[in-house]
N, C-alpha and C. Protein backbone atom coordinates (compact mmCIF):
# COMPACT_ATOMS: atom_id res chain seq x y z
N UNK A 1 -5.76 5.26 -33.82
CA UNK A 1 -4.54 4.49 -33.68
C UNK A 1 -4.88 3.10 -33.12
N UNK A 2 -5.77 3.07 -32.15
CA UNK A 2 -6.14 1.80 -31.53
C UNK A 2 -6.84 0.88 -32.51
N UNK A 3 -7.76 1.45 -33.26
CA UNK A 3 -8.49 0.66 -34.24
C UNK A 3 -7.56 0.17 -35.35
N UNK A 4 -6.63 1.02 -35.75
CA UNK A 4 -5.65 0.62 -36.75
C UNK A 4 -4.80 -0.54 -36.24
N UNK A 5 -4.38 -0.48 -35.00
CA UNK A 5 -3.59 -1.55 -34.41
C UNK A 5 -4.36 -2.87 -34.42
N UNK A 6 -5.64 -2.82 -34.04
CA UNK A 6 -6.46 -4.03 -34.03
C UNK A 6 -6.65 -4.54 -35.46
N UNK A 7 -6.86 -3.63 -36.40
CA UNK A 7 -7.02 -4.02 -37.79
C UNK A 7 -5.77 -4.71 -38.32
N UNK A 8 -4.62 -4.17 -38.02
CA UNK A 8 -3.36 -4.79 -38.44
C UNK A 8 -3.18 -6.16 -37.81
N UNK A 9 -3.63 -6.30 -36.57
CA UNK A 9 -3.56 -7.59 -35.89
C UNK A 9 -4.40 -8.63 -36.63
N UNK A 10 -5.61 -8.23 -37.05
CA UNK A 10 -6.48 -9.15 -37.78
C UNK A 10 -5.97 -9.46 -39.18
N UNK A 11 -5.12 -8.61 -39.70
CA UNK A 11 -4.50 -8.88 -41.00
C UNK A 11 -3.35 -9.88 -40.87
N UNK A 12 -3.01 -10.25 -39.65
CA UNK A 12 -1.99 -11.25 -39.44
C UNK A 12 -0.65 -10.71 -38.98
N UNK A 13 -0.57 -9.41 -38.73
CA UNK A 13 0.68 -8.82 -38.24
C UNK A 13 0.90 -9.18 -36.78
N UNK A 14 2.15 -9.34 -36.41
CA UNK A 14 2.47 -9.61 -35.01
C UNK A 14 2.32 -8.32 -34.20
N UNK A 15 2.14 -8.48 -32.92
CA UNK A 15 1.99 -7.30 -32.06
C UNK A 15 3.28 -6.49 -32.04
N UNK A 16 4.40 -7.17 -32.09
CA UNK A 16 5.69 -6.47 -32.15
C UNK A 16 5.81 -5.69 -33.46
N UNK A 17 5.41 -6.32 -34.56
CA UNK A 17 5.46 -5.67 -35.86
C UNK A 17 4.55 -4.46 -35.93
N UNK A 18 3.38 -4.58 -35.33
CA UNK A 18 2.43 -3.46 -35.30
C UNK A 18 3.03 -2.29 -34.52
N UNK A 19 3.62 -2.60 -33.38
CA UNK A 19 4.23 -1.56 -32.55
C UNK A 19 5.33 -0.83 -33.31
N UNK A 20 6.16 -1.57 -34.01
CA UNK A 20 7.24 -0.94 -34.78
C UNK A 20 6.67 -0.10 -35.92
N UNK A 21 5.68 -0.64 -36.61
CA UNK A 21 5.09 0.07 -37.75
C UNK A 21 4.43 1.37 -37.33
N UNK A 22 3.74 1.36 -36.19
CA UNK A 22 3.03 2.55 -35.72
C UNK A 22 3.87 3.41 -34.79
N UNK A 23 5.08 2.94 -34.49
CA UNK A 23 5.99 3.68 -33.60
C UNK A 23 5.37 3.92 -32.22
N UNK A 24 4.83 2.85 -31.65
CA UNK A 24 4.24 2.91 -30.31
C UNK A 24 4.78 1.73 -29.51
N UNK A 25 4.53 1.74 -28.23
CA UNK A 25 5.01 0.68 -27.34
C UNK A 25 4.24 -0.62 -27.61
N UNK A 26 4.96 -1.73 -27.56
CA UNK A 26 4.33 -3.04 -27.77
C UNK A 26 3.28 -3.31 -26.69
N UNK A 27 3.54 -2.81 -25.49
CA UNK A 27 2.57 -2.99 -24.40
C UNK A 27 1.24 -2.34 -24.70
N UNK A 28 1.27 -1.20 -25.38
CA UNK A 28 0.03 -0.53 -25.77
C UNK A 28 -0.74 -1.39 -26.77
N UNK A 29 -0.03 -1.93 -27.74
CA UNK A 29 -0.68 -2.80 -28.73
C UNK A 29 -1.28 -4.01 -28.03
N UNK A 30 -0.53 -4.61 -27.12
CA UNK A 30 -1.05 -5.77 -26.37
C UNK A 30 -2.32 -5.41 -25.63
N UNK A 31 -2.32 -4.27 -24.97
CA UNK A 31 -3.48 -3.85 -24.19
C UNK A 31 -4.69 -3.60 -25.09
N UNK A 32 -4.48 -2.93 -26.21
CA UNK A 32 -5.58 -2.61 -27.11
C UNK A 32 -6.17 -3.86 -27.74
N UNK A 33 -5.31 -4.74 -28.20
CA UNK A 33 -5.81 -5.97 -28.84
C UNK A 33 -6.54 -6.83 -27.81
N UNK A 34 -5.97 -6.97 -26.64
CA UNK A 34 -6.62 -7.76 -25.58
C UNK A 34 -7.96 -7.16 -25.20
N UNK A 35 -8.02 -5.85 -25.07
CA UNK A 35 -9.28 -5.17 -24.72
C UNK A 35 -10.32 -5.40 -25.80
N UNK A 36 -9.89 -5.30 -27.05
CA UNK A 36 -10.82 -5.51 -28.16
C UNK A 36 -11.34 -6.94 -28.16
N UNK A 37 -10.46 -7.89 -27.99
CA UNK A 37 -10.87 -9.29 -27.99
C UNK A 37 -11.82 -9.61 -26.84
N UNK A 38 -11.63 -8.92 -25.73
CA UNK A 38 -12.45 -9.17 -24.54
C UNK A 38 -13.80 -8.46 -24.62
N UNK A 39 -13.79 -7.16 -24.98
CA UNK A 39 -15.01 -6.36 -24.88
C UNK A 39 -15.44 -5.67 -26.16
N UNK A 40 -14.74 -5.86 -27.27
CA UNK A 40 -15.15 -5.25 -28.52
C UNK A 40 -14.73 -3.80 -28.65
N UNK A 41 -15.36 -3.11 -29.59
CA UNK A 41 -14.99 -1.73 -29.92
C UNK A 41 -15.19 -0.75 -28.77
N UNK A 42 -16.20 -0.98 -27.96
CA UNK A 42 -16.49 -0.03 -26.87
C UNK A 42 -15.32 0.13 -25.92
N UNK A 43 -14.52 -0.91 -25.77
CA UNK A 43 -13.40 -0.84 -24.82
C UNK A 43 -12.20 -0.10 -25.40
N UNK A 44 -12.24 0.25 -26.68
CA UNK A 44 -11.12 0.97 -27.28
C UNK A 44 -11.24 2.49 -27.11
N UNK A 45 -12.38 2.96 -26.63
CA UNK A 45 -12.56 4.41 -26.42
C UNK A 45 -11.63 4.93 -25.35
N UNK A 46 -11.34 6.21 -25.42
CA UNK A 46 -10.52 6.86 -24.39
C UNK A 46 -11.25 6.82 -23.06
N UNK A 47 -10.51 6.55 -22.04
CA UNK A 47 -11.06 6.54 -20.68
C UNK A 47 -10.71 7.87 -20.01
N UNK A 48 -11.60 8.37 -19.16
CA UNK A 48 -11.25 9.60 -18.43
C UNK A 48 -10.03 9.38 -17.55
N UNK A 49 -9.19 10.36 -17.49
CA UNK A 49 -7.98 10.28 -16.68
C UNK A 49 -8.23 10.94 -15.33
N UNK A 50 -7.87 10.25 -14.28
CA UNK A 50 -8.01 10.80 -12.94
C UNK A 50 -6.84 11.74 -12.69
N UNK A 51 -7.14 13.00 -12.50
CA UNK A 51 -6.09 13.99 -12.26
C UNK A 51 -5.86 14.16 -10.76
N UNK A 52 -4.69 14.62 -10.44
CA UNK A 52 -4.39 14.94 -9.05
C UNK A 52 -5.18 16.18 -8.64
N UNK A 53 -5.60 16.25 -7.39
CA UNK A 53 -6.30 17.45 -6.96
C UNK A 53 -5.38 18.67 -7.03
N UNK A 54 -5.96 19.81 -7.30
CA UNK A 54 -5.19 21.04 -7.42
C UNK A 54 -4.58 21.40 -6.07
N UNK A 55 -3.37 21.93 -6.12
CA UNK A 55 -2.72 22.39 -4.90
C UNK A 55 -3.03 23.85 -4.64
N UNK A 56 -3.67 24.49 -5.59
CA UNK A 56 -4.02 25.90 -5.43
C UNK A 56 -5.29 26.03 -4.60
N UNK A 57 -5.35 27.09 -3.83
CA UNK A 57 -6.54 27.41 -3.07
C UNK A 57 -7.55 28.09 -4.00
N UNK A 58 -8.81 28.09 -3.63
CA UNK A 58 -9.87 28.68 -4.46
C UNK A 58 -9.55 30.12 -4.85
N UNK A 59 -9.12 30.99 -3.93
CA UNK A 59 -8.81 32.37 -4.32
C UNK A 59 -7.68 32.46 -5.36
N UNK A 60 -6.71 31.56 -5.26
CA UNK A 60 -5.62 31.56 -6.23
C UNK A 60 -6.12 31.18 -7.62
N UNK A 61 -7.01 30.21 -7.69
CA UNK A 61 -7.58 29.80 -8.97
C UNK A 61 -8.38 30.94 -9.57
N UNK A 62 -9.17 31.62 -8.74
CA UNK A 62 -9.98 32.75 -9.22
C UNK A 62 -9.08 33.86 -9.72
N UNK A 63 -7.96 34.13 -9.04
CA UNK A 63 -7.03 35.15 -9.47
C UNK A 63 -6.42 34.81 -10.83
N UNK A 64 -6.08 33.56 -11.00
CA UNK A 64 -5.53 33.12 -12.29
C UNK A 64 -6.54 33.30 -13.41
N UNK A 65 -7.79 32.99 -13.14
CA UNK A 65 -8.84 33.15 -14.14
C UNK A 65 -9.04 34.59 -14.53
N UNK A 66 -8.89 35.49 -13.58
CA UNK A 66 -9.05 36.92 -13.87
C UNK A 66 -7.91 37.42 -14.75
N UNK A 67 -6.73 36.85 -14.62
CA UNK A 67 -5.57 37.30 -15.37
C UNK A 67 -5.53 36.74 -16.79
N UNK A 68 -6.41 35.80 -17.10
CA UNK A 68 -6.43 35.25 -18.46
C UNK A 68 -7.17 36.17 -19.32
């Protein structure tokens, strides 16, 4: 999706038009195009997401794993 958005941008489409065509937020298109222009293809890869620490205690997690 990100590469397609950048490709459409290079074809001369506006960022708003790209967002409407792909049914995504214009802010996402802005971020992807800006990242590509700044750092190239490597910056379009998915970044790891920082998750919140688990609220479960270790024994609770182990119990859940046993029930799967």
